[in-house]
Amino acid sequence: MSQGLPREGTRRLSIGLGSLAVIGCTIAYILIIELHGPPYWFGWWVVMAVNLAASFLLGRLLAPLLEWIIAGYQVHPETQR
C-alpha cells in the first residue's frame, strides 16, 4: 500500500505498467526484425528475451512513482475549505 492508496490498485498498476512495457518492447523488436532481418548470432535472441524480462520488471518499478503523482492530486478533507 503506497501513498495511502489501496493495495489491489498498486498491484494492478504495477502489472499493467509491466505489461505495457513488454508490449512496447515486443513491438519495437518486431519492427527492428522486419526492417533489418533476424539477428545473425543466436545469442541476440537470448539478449532480447532477457531485455523483455527486464522491461517487465522496470515497468513494475514505475508503479510507486505513478502512485506518488496520483496521491499528490487527491483532495484531503483536512486541506479542503
N, C-alpha and C. Protein backbone atom coordinates (compact mmCIF):
# COMPACT_ATOMS: atom_id res chain seq x y z
N MET A 1 0.86 -1.16 0.00
CA MET A 1 0.00 0.00 0.00
C MET A 1 0.91 1.23 0.00
N SER A 2 0.96 1.87 -1.12
CA SER A 2 1.83 3.02 -1.28
C SER A 2 1.02 4.31 -1.32
N GLN A 3 1.49 5.30 -0.60
CA GLN A 3 0.87 6.62 -0.58
C GLN A 3 -0.59 6.59 -0.11
N GLY A 4 -0.96 5.62 0.67
CA GLY A 4 -2.32 5.55 1.20
C GLY A 4 -3.34 5.05 0.20
N LEU A 5 -2.90 4.55 -0.94
CA LEU A 5 -3.82 4.02 -1.94
C LEU A 5 -4.03 2.53 -1.69
N PRO A 6 -5.15 1.96 -2.17
CA PRO A 6 -5.44 0.54 -1.92
C PRO A 6 -4.37 -0.39 -2.49
N ARG A 7 -4.09 -1.46 -1.78
CA ARG A 7 -3.08 -2.43 -2.19
C ARG A 7 -3.43 -3.08 -3.53
N GLU A 8 -4.70 -3.39 -3.75
CA GLU A 8 -5.13 -4.02 -5.01
C GLU A 8 -4.84 -3.10 -6.19
N GLY A 9 -5.04 -1.82 -6.01
CA GLY A 9 -4.75 -0.86 -7.08
C GLY A 9 -3.27 -0.81 -7.39
N THR A 10 -2.44 -0.91 -6.36
CA THR A 10 -0.99 -0.92 -6.55
C THR A 10 -0.57 -2.13 -7.38
N ARG A 11 -1.11 -3.27 -7.03
CA ARG A 11 -0.78 -4.50 -7.76
C ARG A 11 -1.22 -4.41 -9.21
N ARG A 12 -2.43 -3.93 -9.44
CA ARG A 12 -2.94 -3.81 -10.80
C ARG A 12 -2.12 -2.82 -11.62
N LEU A 13 -1.76 -1.71 -11.00
CA LEU A 13 -0.97 -0.70 -11.69
C LEU A 13 0.40 -1.24 -12.07
N SER A 14 1.05 -1.95 -11.15
CA SER A 14 2.38 -2.47 -11.45
C SER A 14 2.33 -3.54 -12.54
N ILE A 15 1.33 -4.40 -12.51
CA ILE A 15 1.20 -5.42 -13.55
C ILE A 15 0.85 -4.77 -14.89
N GLY A 16 0.00 -3.77 -14.86
CA GLY A 16 -0.37 -3.07 -16.10
C GLY A 16 0.82 -2.35 -16.72
N LEU A 17 1.61 -1.67 -15.90
CA LEU A 17 2.78 -0.97 -16.42
C LEU A 17 3.83 -1.94 -16.95
N GLY A 18 4.02 -3.04 -16.23
CA GLY A 18 4.96 -4.06 -16.70
C GLY A 18 4.52 -4.67 -18.02
N SER A 19 3.23 -4.93 -18.14
CA SER A 19 2.70 -5.50 -19.39
C SER A 19 2.82 -4.52 -20.54
N LEU A 20 2.54 -3.24 -20.29
CA LEU A 20 2.70 -2.23 -21.34
C LEU A 20 4.15 -2.12 -21.78
N ALA A 21 5.08 -2.23 -20.85
CA ALA A 21 6.50 -2.18 -21.20
C ALA A 21 6.89 -3.36 -22.09
N VAL A 22 6.39 -4.56 -21.76
CA VAL A 22 6.70 -5.74 -22.56
C VAL A 22 6.08 -5.62 -23.95
N ILE A 23 4.85 -5.14 -24.03
CA ILE A 23 4.18 -4.97 -25.32
C ILE A 23 4.94 -3.95 -26.17
N GLY A 24 5.34 -2.84 -25.58
CA GLY A 24 6.09 -1.83 -26.33
C GLY A 24 7.42 -2.36 -26.82
N CYS A 25 8.12 -3.09 -25.97
CA CYS A 25 9.41 -3.67 -26.34
C CYS A 25 9.24 -4.72 -27.44
N THR A 26 8.20 -5.53 -27.34
CA THR A 26 7.94 -6.55 -28.35
C THR A 26 7.64 -5.92 -29.70
N ILE A 27 6.83 -4.87 -29.71
CA ILE A 27 6.53 -4.17 -30.97
C ILE A 27 7.80 -3.59 -31.57
N ALA A 28 8.65 -3.02 -30.72
CA ALA A 28 9.92 -2.46 -31.22
C ALA A 28 10.79 -3.57 -31.82
N TYR A 29 10.86 -4.72 -31.15
CA TYR A 29 11.65 -5.84 -31.69
C TYR A 29 11.09 -6.32 -33.02
N ILE A 30 9.77 -6.41 -33.12
CA ILE A 30 9.15 -6.87 -34.36
C ILE A 30 9.49 -5.92 -35.50
N LEU A 31 9.40 -4.61 -35.24
CA LEU A 31 9.73 -3.63 -36.27
C LEU A 31 11.21 -3.71 -36.67
N ILE A 32 12.08 -3.85 -35.69
CA ILE A 32 13.52 -3.95 -36.00
C ILE A 32 13.82 -5.19 -36.81
N ILE A 33 13.23 -6.32 -36.43
CA ILE A 33 13.47 -7.57 -37.17
C ILE A 33 12.90 -7.49 -38.58
N GLU A 34 11.74 -6.85 -38.73
CA GLU A 34 11.16 -6.70 -40.07
C GLU A 34 12.02 -5.80 -40.95
N LEU A 35 12.57 -4.75 -40.38
CA LEU A 35 13.37 -3.82 -41.17
C LEU A 35 14.78 -4.33 -41.46
N HIS A 36 15.41 -4.97 -40.49
CA HIS A 36 16.81 -5.36 -40.63
C HIS A 36 17.04 -6.86 -40.76
N GLY A 37 16.01 -7.66 -40.64
CA GLY A 37 16.17 -9.11 -40.71
C GLY A 37 16.51 -9.69 -39.34
N PRO A 38 16.46 -11.01 -39.25
CA PRO A 38 16.74 -11.66 -37.96
C PRO A 38 18.21 -11.49 -37.56
N PRO A 39 18.50 -11.64 -36.28
CA PRO A 39 19.88 -11.50 -35.81
C PRO A 39 20.79 -12.56 -36.44
N TYR A 40 22.03 -12.17 -36.70
CA TYR A 40 22.99 -13.08 -37.32
C TYR A 40 23.60 -14.04 -36.30
N TRP A 41 23.55 -13.69 -35.03
CA TRP A 41 24.11 -14.51 -33.97
C TRP A 41 22.98 -14.95 -33.05
N PHE A 42 22.93 -16.24 -32.72
CA PHE A 42 21.84 -16.78 -31.90
C PHE A 42 21.78 -16.13 -30.53
N GLY A 43 22.88 -15.70 -29.99
CA GLY A 43 22.91 -15.10 -28.67
C GLY A 43 22.06 -13.85 -28.56
N TRP A 44 21.82 -13.17 -29.70
CA TRP A 44 20.98 -11.96 -29.66
C TRP A 44 19.54 -12.29 -29.29
N TRP A 45 19.08 -13.49 -29.64
CA TRP A 45 17.73 -13.89 -29.23
C TRP A 45 17.65 -13.98 -27.71
N VAL A 46 18.72 -14.50 -27.09
CA VAL A 46 18.78 -14.60 -25.64
C VAL A 46 18.81 -13.19 -25.02
N VAL A 47 19.62 -12.31 -25.62
CA VAL A 47 19.70 -10.94 -25.13
C VAL A 47 18.33 -10.26 -25.22
N MET A 48 17.62 -10.47 -26.31
CA MET A 48 16.29 -9.87 -26.46
C MET A 48 15.31 -10.43 -25.45
N ALA A 49 15.38 -11.73 -25.16
CA ALA A 49 14.49 -12.34 -24.16
C ALA A 49 14.77 -11.78 -22.77
N VAL A 50 16.05 -11.62 -22.43
CA VAL A 50 16.41 -11.04 -21.13
C VAL A 50 15.94 -9.59 -21.06
N ASN A 51 16.06 -8.87 -22.17
CA ASN A 51 15.61 -7.48 -22.23
C ASN A 51 14.09 -7.39 -22.03
N LEU A 52 13.34 -8.32 -22.59
CA LEU A 52 11.89 -8.32 -22.38
C LEU A 52 11.55 -8.56 -20.91
N ALA A 53 12.24 -9.49 -20.28
CA ALA A 53 12.01 -9.74 -18.85
C ALA A 53 12.37 -8.51 -18.02
N ALA A 54 13.47 -7.86 -18.37
CA ALA A 54 13.88 -6.66 -17.64
C ALA A 54 12.89 -5.52 -17.85
N SER A 55 12.31 -5.43 -19.04
CA SER A 55 11.34 -4.37 -19.29
C SER A 55 10.10 -4.56 -18.42
N PHE A 56 9.70 -5.81 -18.20
CA PHE A 56 8.55 -6.07 -17.32
C PHE A 56 8.87 -5.61 -15.90
N LEU A 57 10.06 -5.95 -15.42
CA LEU A 57 10.43 -5.57 -14.05
C LEU A 57 10.58 -4.06 -13.92
N LEU A 58 11.18 -3.41 -14.91
CA LEU A 58 11.35 -1.97 -14.85
C LEU A 58 10.02 -1.25 -14.96
N GLY A 59 9.10 -1.80 -15.75
CA GLY A 59 7.76 -1.22 -15.82
C GLY A 59 7.05 -1.29 -14.49
N ARG A 60 7.25 -2.38 -13.77
CA ARG A 60 6.64 -2.53 -12.45
C ARG A 60 7.26 -1.58 -11.43
N LEU A 61 8.51 -1.22 -11.63
CA LEU A 61 9.17 -0.30 -10.70
C LEU A 61 8.63 1.13 -10.83
N LEU A 62 7.96 1.43 -11.93
CA LEU A 62 7.38 2.75 -12.12
C LEU A 62 6.08 2.96 -11.34
N ALA A 63 5.47 1.89 -10.85
CA ALA A 63 4.19 1.99 -10.15
C ALA A 63 4.27 2.91 -8.91
N PRO A 64 5.27 2.78 -8.04
CA PRO A 64 5.31 3.70 -6.89
C PRO A 64 5.45 5.16 -7.30
N LEU A 65 6.20 5.43 -8.34
CA LEU A 65 6.34 6.81 -8.81
C LEU A 65 5.01 7.35 -9.30
N LEU A 66 4.29 6.55 -10.08
CA LEU A 66 2.99 6.98 -10.58
C LEU A 66 1.99 7.15 -9.44
N GLU A 67 2.03 6.27 -8.46
CA GLU A 67 1.13 6.40 -7.31
C GLU A 67 1.44 7.66 -6.52
N TRP A 68 2.71 8.00 -6.39
CA TRP A 68 3.10 9.22 -5.70
C TRP A 68 2.51 10.44 -6.40
N ILE A 69 2.55 10.43 -7.74
CA ILE A 69 1.98 11.52 -8.52
C ILE A 69 0.46 11.57 -8.34
N ILE A 70 -0.19 10.41 -8.41
CA ILE A 70 -1.64 10.34 -8.25
C ILE A 70 -2.05 10.81 -6.87
N ALA A 71 -1.32 10.39 -5.85
CA ALA A 71 -1.64 10.78 -4.47
C ALA A 71 -1.50 12.29 -4.29
N GLY A 72 -0.63 12.92 -5.03
CA GLY A 72 -0.47 14.36 -4.94
C GLY A 72 -1.68 15.12 -5.46
N TYR A 73 -2.48 14.49 -6.31
CA TYR A 73 -3.66 15.14 -6.86
C TYR A 73 -4.93 14.84 -6.07
N GLN A 74 -4.84 13.96 -5.08
CA GLN A 74 -6.01 13.64 -4.28
C GLN A 74 -6.32 14.79 -3.34
N VAL A 75 -7.61 15.04 -3.13
CA VAL A 75 -8.05 16.09 -2.22
C VAL A 75 -8.24 15.46 -0.84
N HIS A 76 -7.57 16.01 0.14
CA HIS A 76 -7.69 15.52 1.51
C HIS A 76 -8.70 16.39 2.25
N PRO A 77 -9.57 15.78 3.05
CA PRO A 77 -10.62 16.55 3.74
C PRO A 77 -10.06 17.66 4.65
N GLU A 78 -8.91 17.41 5.28
CA GLU A 78 -8.40 18.41 6.20
C GLU A 78 -7.82 19.65 5.48
N THR A 79 -7.47 19.50 4.21
CA THR A 79 -6.96 20.66 3.46
C THR A 79 -8.01 21.31 2.60
N GLN A 80 -9.18 20.69 2.51
CA GLN A 80 -10.25 21.24 1.68
C GLN A 80 -11.01 22.32 2.48
N ARG A 81 -11.35 23.43 1.85
CA ARG A 81 -12.07 24.51 2.52
C ARG A 81 -13.54 24.48 2.20
